[in-house]
Amino acid sequence: MGKPRFSEDFKQDAVHQIVVRGYPVKEVSDRLGVSTHSLYAWMKKFSPEAGSKAKDAQSEEIRRLKRELIRVTEERDILKKATAYFARDAK
């Protein structure tokens, strides 16, 4: 028996379920009877811009969160020093 042949529409619909609807690859794989390897290959083929846009958005979010973490850490350190300073003067 040879490998099953899937139509382009079938492949695009499978990718749509993962990319747009947000279903996990493993769940779609089990439900449709397709290997996860095939689904990842179809995702690369049919949604190159979707993958890169998602990665760009994630990278931007990571950069923003790192900047915010640095700012909040500095604020915390300043408050710690101020608390220690005023606690020493209160005695």
Protein backbone atom coordinates (compact mmCIF):
# COMPACT_ATOMS: atom_id res chain seq x y z
CA MET A 1 0.00 0.00 0.00
CA GLY A 2 1.27 3.43 -0.90
CA LYS A 3 1.11 6.68 0.96
CA PRO A 4 -2.28 8.38 1.04
CA ARG A 5 -2.60 11.40 -1.24
CA PHE A 6 -4.29 14.45 0.20
CA SER A 7 -5.78 17.26 -1.87
CA GLU A 8 -4.44 20.79 -1.58
CA ASP A 9 -7.77 21.89 -0.05
CA PHE A 10 -7.49 19.20 2.63
CA LYS A 11 -3.97 20.34 3.47
CA GLN A 12 -4.96 24.01 3.61
CA ASP A 13 -7.93 23.21 5.84
CA ALA A 14 -5.69 21.23 8.20
CA VAL A 15 -3.24 24.15 8.38
CA HIS A 16 -6.15 26.55 8.92
CA GLN A 17 -7.28 24.54 11.96
CA ILE A 18 -3.82 24.90 13.50
CA VAL A 19 -2.91 28.47 12.54
CA VAL A 20 -6.24 30.28 12.67
CA ARG A 21 -8.37 28.24 15.05
CA GLY A 22 -5.47 27.46 17.37
CA TYR A 23 -5.85 23.69 17.70
CA PRO A 24 -2.73 21.80 18.78
CA VAL A 25 -0.87 19.99 15.99
CA LYS A 26 -1.11 16.66 17.82
CA GLU A 27 -4.90 16.96 18.15
CA VAL A 28 -5.37 17.76 14.45
CA SER A 29 -2.98 14.96 13.56
CA ASP A 30 -4.95 12.40 15.57
CA ARG A 31 -8.31 13.63 14.33
CA LEU A 32 -7.39 13.66 10.63
CA GLY A 33 -5.15 10.62 10.61
CA VAL A 34 -2.14 12.55 9.34
CA SER A 35 1.37 12.51 10.80
CA THR A 36 2.53 15.56 12.72
CA HIS A 37 5.53 15.71 10.39
CA SER A 38 3.20 16.15 7.42
CA LEU A 39 1.25 18.87 9.22
CA TYR A 40 4.41 20.82 10.02
CA ALA A 41 5.52 20.51 6.40
CA TRP A 42 2.12 21.74 5.20
CA MET A 43 2.28 24.64 7.65
CA LYS A 44 5.64 25.65 6.23
CA LYS A 45 4.28 25.37 2.70
CA PHE A 46 0.93 27.10 3.14
CA SER A 47 1.55 29.70 5.81
CA PRO A 48 5.08 31.08 5.64
CA GLU A 49 3.93 34.62 6.36
CA ALA A 50 1.71 33.52 9.25
CA GLY A 51 4.62 31.79 10.94
CA SER A 52 6.97 34.71 10.49
CA LYS A 53 4.35 37.23 11.64
CA ALA A 54 3.70 35.19 14.77
CA LYS A 55 7.45 34.95 15.46
CA ASP A 56 7.86 38.71 14.91
CA ALA A 57 4.97 39.43 17.28
CA GLN A 58 6.42 37.08 19.88
CA SER A 59 9.88 38.62 19.54
CA GLU A 60 8.45 42.11 19.98
CA GLU A 61 6.46 40.99 23.03
CA ILE A 62 9.60 39.42 24.54
CA ARG A 63 11.58 42.64 23.98
CA ARG A 64 8.79 44.70 25.55
CA LEU A 65 8.58 42.40 28.58
CA LYS A 66 12.35 42.48 29.07
CA ARG A 67 12.34 46.30 29.03
CA GLU A 68 9.49 46.33 31.53
CA LEU A 69 11.28 43.81 33.77
CA ILE A 70 14.40 45.99 33.83
CA ARG A 71 12.34 49.07 34.73
CA VAL A 72 10.42 47.30 37.49
CA THR A 73 13.60 45.77 38.91
CA GLU A 74 15.23 49.21 39.08
CA GLU A 75 12.15 50.65 40.80
CA ARG A 76 12.19 47.82 43.35
CA ASP A 77 15.88 48.35 44.07
CA ILE A 78 15.32 52.08 44.60
CA LEU A 79 12.46 51.39 46.99
CA LYS A 80 14.57 48.87 48.93
CA LYS A 81 17.34 51.42 49.36
CA ALA A 82 14.87 54.14 50.40
CA THR A 83 13.24 51.82 52.94
CA ALA A 84 16.61 50.94 54.44
CA TYR A 85 17.62 54.60 54.56
CA PHE A 86 14.45 55.78 56.29
CA ALA A 87 14.40 52.80 58.65
CA ARG A 88 17.93 53.72 59.78
CA ASP A 89 16.92 57.38 60.40
CA ALA A 90 13.80 56.40 62.40
CA LYS A 91 15.86 54.76 65.17
